[in-house]
C-alpha atoms as a PDB file:
ATOM      1  CA  UNK A   1       0.372  -0.054   0.049  1.00  0.00           C
ATOM      2  CA  UNK A   2       1.374   3.405  -0.775  1.00  0.00           C
ATOM      3  CA  UNK A   3       2.525   6.344   2.247  1.00  0.00           C
ATOM      4  CA  UNK A   4       0.103   8.377   0.080  1.00  0.00           C
ATOM      5  CA  UNK A   5      -3.138   9.980  -0.556  1.00  0.00           C
ATOM      6  CA  UNK A   6      -3.368  10.029  -4.185  1.00  0.00           C
ATOM      7  CA  UNK A   7      -5.330  13.242  -6.218  1.00  0.00           C
ATOM      8  CA  UNK A   8      -4.779  13.203 -10.129  1.00  0.00           C
ATOM      9  CA  UNK A   9      -4.781  16.294 -12.047  1.00  0.00           C
ATOM     10  CA  UNK A  10      -4.623  17.332 -15.591  1.00  0.00           C
ATOM     11  CA  UNK A  11      -2.915  20.759 -15.831  1.00  0.00           C
ATOM     12  CA  UNK A  12      -4.932  23.470 -18.430  1.00  0.00           C
ATOM     13  CA  UNK A  13      -4.118  26.537 -20.233  1.00  0.00           C
ATOM     14  CA  UNK A  14      -5.971  28.481 -17.233  1.00  0.00           C
ATOM     15  CA  UNK A  15      -3.825  27.441 -14.971  1.00  0.00           C
ATOM     16  CA  UNK A  16      -0.707  29.110 -17.142  1.00  0.00           C
ATOM     17  CA  UNK A  17       1.213  32.350 -17.413  1.00  0.00           C
ATOM     18  CA  UNK A  18       2.115  34.181 -20.335  1.00  0.00           C
ATOM     19  CA  UNK A  19       5.409  31.718 -20.800  1.00  0.00           C
ATOM     20  CA  UNK A  20       3.305  28.905 -20.721  1.00  0.00           C
ATOM     21  CA  UNK A  21       4.342  27.297 -17.374  1.00  0.00           C
ATOM     22  CA  UNK A  22       2.320  27.036 -14.426  1.00  0.00           C
ATOM     23  CA  UNK A  23       1.179  29.885 -12.116  1.00  0.00           C
ATOM     24  CA  UNK A  24       2.372  29.213  -8.934  1.00  0.00           C
ATOM     25  CA  UNK A  25      -0.310  29.698  -6.838  1.00  0.00           C
ATOM     26  CA  UNK A  26      -1.301  26.850  -8.682  1.00  0.00           C
ATOM     27  CA  UNK A  27       0.602  24.365  -6.649  1.00  0.00           C
ATOM     28  CA  UNK A  28      -1.195  26.160  -3.387  1.00  0.00           C
ATOM     29  CA  UNK A  29      -4.833  25.726  -5.123  1.00  0.00           C
ATOM     30  CA  UNK A  30      -3.919  22.215  -5.489  1.00  0.00           C
ATOM     31  CA  UNK A  31      -3.043  21.193  -1.669  1.00  0.00           C
ATOM     32  CA  UNK A  32      -6.259  22.283  -1.063  1.00  0.00           C
ATOM     33  CA  UNK A  33      -8.310  20.074  -3.547  1.00  0.00           C
ATOM     34  CA  UNK A  34      -6.011  16.814  -2.431  1.00  0.00           C
ATOM     35  CA  UNK A  35      -6.836  17.698   1.622  1.00  0.00           C
ATOM     36  CA  UNK A  36     -10.298  17.771   0.279  1.00  0.00           C
ATOM     37  CA  UNK A  37     -10.665  14.739  -2.088  1.00  0.00           C
ATOM     38  CA  UNK A  38      -8.949  12.845   1.106  1.00  0.00           C
ATOM     39  CA  UNK A  39     -11.931  14.278   3.336  1.00  0.00           C
ATOM     40  CA  UNK A  40     -14.215  13.168   0.960  1.00  0.00           C
ATOM     41  CA  UNK A  41     -12.762   9.535   0.366  1.00  0.00           C
ATOM     42  CA  UNK A  42     -11.461   8.912   3.405  1.00  0.00           C
ATOM     43  CA  UNK A  43     -12.246  10.796   6.145  1.00  0.00           C
ATOM     44  CA  UNK A  44     -16.430  11.029   5.533  1.00  0.00           C
ATOM     45  CA  UNK A  45     -17.476  11.872   9.001  1.00  0.00           C
ATOM     46  CA  UNK A  46     -15.522  15.015   8.918  1.00  0.00           C
ATOM     47  CA  UNK A  47     -17.138  16.609   6.671  1.00  0.00           C
ATOM     48  CA  UNK A  48     -20.387  16.406   8.582  1.00  0.00           C
ATOM     49  CA  UNK A  49     -18.318  17.963  11.567  1.00  0.00           C
ATOM     50  CA  UNK A  50     -17.201  20.666   9.419  1.00  0.00           C
ATOM     51  CA  UNK A  51     -21.423  20.847   8.153  1.00  0.00           C
ATOM     52  CA  UNK A  52     -21.704  21.309  11.755  1.00  0.00           C
ATOM     53  CA  UNK A  53     -19.054  23.959  14.160  1.00  0.00           C
ATOM     54  CA  UNK A  54     -15.017  22.260  12.946  1.00  0.00           C
ATOM     55  CA  UNK A  55     -13.148  24.709  11.078  1.00  0.00           C
ATOM     56  CA  UNK A  56      -9.601  23.675  10.455  1.00  0.00           C
ATOM     57  CA  UNK A  57      -7.973  26.864   9.940  1.00  0.00           C
ATOM     58  CA  UNK A  58      -4.630  26.810   7.113  1.00  0.00           C
ATOM     59  CA  UNK A  59      -1.899  28.346   9.444  1.00  0.00           C
ATOM     60  CA  UNK A  60       1.123  27.851   6.727  1.00  0.00           C
ATOM     61  CA  UNK A  61       1.988  26.255   3.561  1.00  0.00           C
ATOM     62  CA  UNK A  62       4.883  26.429   1.622  1.00  0.00           C
ATOM     63  CA  UNK A  63       6.159  24.856  -2.033  1.00  0.00           C
ATOM     64  CA  UNK A  64       9.809  24.562  -3.542  1.00  0.00           C
ATOM     65  CA  UNK A  65       9.880  24.215  -6.964  1.00  0.00           C
ATOM     66  CA  UNK A  66      11.946  21.688  -8.856  1.00  0.00           C
ATOM     67  CA  UNK A  67      11.303  21.745 -12.410  1.00  0.00           C
ATOM     68  CA  UNK A  68       8.463  23.315 -14.626  1.00  0.00           C
ATOM     69  CA  UNK A  69       5.209  21.505 -15.649  1.00  0.00           C
ATOM     70  CA  UNK A  70       2.894  22.987 -18.819  1.00  0.00           C
ATOM     71  CA  UNK A  71      -0.252  22.527 -19.888  1.00  0.00           C
ATOM     72  CA  UNK A  72      -2.000  18.832 -20.127  1.00  0.00           C
ATOM     73  CA  UNK A  73       1.113  17.563 -18.343  1.00  0.00           C
ATOM     74  CA  UNK A  74      -0.573  14.807 -15.864  1.00  0.00           C
ATOM     75  CA  UNK A  75       0.412  15.473 -12.582  1.00  0.00           C
ATOM     76  CA  UNK A  76       0.158  13.280  -8.921  1.00  0.00           C
ATOM     77  CA  UNK A  77      -0.044  15.667  -6.012  1.00  0.00           C
ATOM     78  CA  UNK A  78       0.526  13.016  -3.103  1.00  0.00           C
ATOM     79  CA  UNK A  79      -0.285  13.859   0.542  1.00  0.00           C
ATOM     80  CA  UNK A  80       1.030  12.124   3.477  1.00  0.00           C
ATOM     81  CA  UNK A  81       0.794  13.062   7.487  1.00  0.00           C
ATOM     82  CA  UNK A  82       4.113  14.796   8.344  1.00  0.00           C
ATOM     83  CA  UNK A  83       3.197  15.531  12.160  1.00  0.00           C
ATOM     84  CA  UNK A  84      -0.051  15.026  14.159  1.00  0.00           C
ATOM     85  CA  UNK A  85      -0.396  17.045  17.355  1.00  0.00           C
ATOM     86  CA  UNK A  86      -3.208  17.365  19.922  1.00  0.00           C
ATOM     87  CA  UNK A  87      -5.034  20.583  17.670  1.00  0.00           C
ATOM     88  CA  UNK A  88      -2.787  20.901  14.646  1.00  0.00           C
ATOM     89  CA  UNK A  89      -2.165  18.201  11.612  1.00  0.00           C
ATOM     90  CA  UNK A  90       1.000  19.324   9.516  1.00  0.00           C
ATOM     91  CA  UNK A  91       0.657  17.671   5.681  1.00  0.00           C
ATOM     92  CA  UNK A  92       3.555  17.146   3.606  1.00  0.00           C
ATOM     93  CA  UNK A  93       2.973  17.205  -0.521  1.00  0.00           C
ATOM     94  CA  UNK A  94       4.776  15.491  -3.318  1.00  0.00           C
ATOM     95  CA  UNK A  95       4.324  17.120  -6.793  1.00  0.00           C
ATOM     96  CA  UNK A  96       5.041  14.009  -9.147  1.00  0.00           C
ATOM     97  CA  UNK A  97       4.762  14.456 -13.054  1.00  0.00           C
ATOM     98  CA  UNK A  98       3.735  11.570 -14.395  1.00  0.00           C
ATOM     99  CA  UNK A  99       5.125  10.343 -18.218  1.00  0.00           C
ATOM    100  CA  UNK A 100       3.310   8.467 -20.494  1.00  0.00           C
ATOM    101  CA  UNK A 101       5.852   6.030 -20.277  1.00  0.00           C
ATOM    102  CA  UNK A 102       5.681   5.238 -16.850  1.00  0.00           C
ATOM    103  CA  UNK A 103       8.265   7.328 -15.937  1.00  0.00           C
ATOM    104  CA  UNK A 104       7.688   9.828 -12.526  1.00  0.00           C
ATOM    105  CA  UNK A 105       9.354  13.077 -12.165  1.00  0.00           C
ATOM    106  CA  UNK A 106       9.181  15.134  -9.213  1.00  0.00           C
ATOM    107  CA  UNK A 107       8.685  18.947  -9.786  1.00  0.00           C
ATOM    108  CA  UNK A 108       7.668  20.608  -6.182  1.00  0.00           C
ATOM    109  CA  UNK A 109       7.398  19.785  -2.861  1.00  0.00           C
ATOM    110  CA  UNK A 110       5.194  21.857  -0.237  1.00  0.00           C
ATOM    111  CA  UNK A 111       3.866  21.502   3.292  1.00  0.00           C
ATOM    112  CA  UNK A 112       0.757  22.507   4.891  1.00  0.00           C
ATOM    113  CA  UNK A 113      -0.323  23.408   8.904  1.00  0.00           C
ATOM    114  CA  UNK A 114      -3.758  23.292   9.881  1.00  0.00           C
ATOM    115  CA  UNK A 115      -5.529  23.445  13.298  1.00  0.00           C
ATOM    116  CA  UNK A 116      -8.737  22.309  14.130  1.00  0.00           C
ATOM    117  CA  UNK A 117     -11.124  24.550  15.745  1.00  0.00           C
ATOM    118  CA  UNK A 118     -14.408  24.906  17.212  1.00  0.00           C
ATOM    119  CA  UNK A 119     -17.435  27.213  18.175  1.00  0.00           C
ATOM    120  CA  UNK A 120     -18.736  30.896  16.520  1.00  0.00           C
ATOM    121  CA  UNK A 121     -16.277  32.986  14.344  1.00  0.00           C
ATOM    122  CA  UNK A 122     -16.267  35.736  17.097  1.00  0.00           C
ATOM    123  CA  UNK A 123     -14.915  32.967  19.467  1.00  0.00           C
ATOM    124  CA  UNK A 124     -13.140  30.658  17.503  1.00  0.00           C
ATOM    125  CA  UNK A 125     -11.200  28.289  20.065  1.00  0.00           C
ATOM    126  CA  UNK A 126      -8.690  25.153  19.412  1.00  0.00           C
ATOM    127  CA  UNK A 127     -10.051  21.382  19.551  1.00  0.00           C
ATOM    128  CA  UNK A 128      -8.407  18.233  19.455  1.00  0.00           C
ATOM    129  CA  UNK A 129      -7.873  16.734  16.232  1.00  0.00           C
ATOM    130  CA  UNK A 130     -11.191  14.475  15.512  1.00  0.00           C
ATOM    131  CA  UNK A 131     -10.724  11.039  16.357  1.00  0.00           C
ATOM    132  CA  UNK A 132     -12.618   9.859  12.897  1.00  0.00           C
ATOM    133  CA  UNK A 133      -9.419  12.302  11.024  1.00  0.00           C
ATOM    134  CA  UNK A 134      -6.018  10.822  13.176  1.00  0.00           C
ATOM    135  CA  UNK A 135      -7.697   7.356  12.173  1.00  0.00           C
ATOM    136  CA  UNK A 136      -7.931   8.259   8.488  1.00  0.00           C
ATOM    137  CA  UNK A 137      -4.406   9.858   8.667  1.00  0.00           C
ATOM    138  CA  UNK A 138      -3.000   6.808  10.172  1.00  0.00           C
ATOM    139  CA  UNK A 139      -2.194   5.132   6.979  1.00  0.00           C
ATOM    140  CA  UNK A 140      -0.422   7.662   5.727  1.00  0.00           C
ATOM    141  CA  UNK A 141       2.577   8.790   7.998  1.00  0.00           C
ATOM    142  CA  UNK A 142       5.538   9.609   7.309  1.00  0.00           C
ATOM    143  CA  UNK A 143       7.811   9.591   9.942  1.00  0.00           C
ATOM    144  CA  UNK A 144       5.564  11.636  11.881  1.00  0.00           C
ATOM    145  CA  UNK A 145       6.582  13.871  14.659  1.00  0.00           C
ATOM    146  CA  UNK A 146       3.709  13.321  17.515  1.00  0.00           C
END
């Protein structure tokens, strides 16, 4: 079994700049999309909790670029768990270009730190990572700091 959750994406023209390579902000959008698809597919109970009063606040994101990608490149965004604390989670993301011949090239690497919060917008407070989310993340732990 793979140690990451995978979101596959085909790059479109709207995600490129005038030079023809992918505009940097899209890498951050793909992190969010990967995280959303993880919740939908692997932690649906957490989605119900989010509809109630759970909030996942993104505290920090980053991305380091190694190679360019362009329109119609096939991309695998691979998310894994880096750290699980009482109220926060850190995800790691590998962006891998998939070639038609089965080859792979790491084109970028990023991370995202998320805090779990509850309460109304004017009185939101930190809360423990929900058990359902912890359980869903465990298979994707890579050298996790606890």
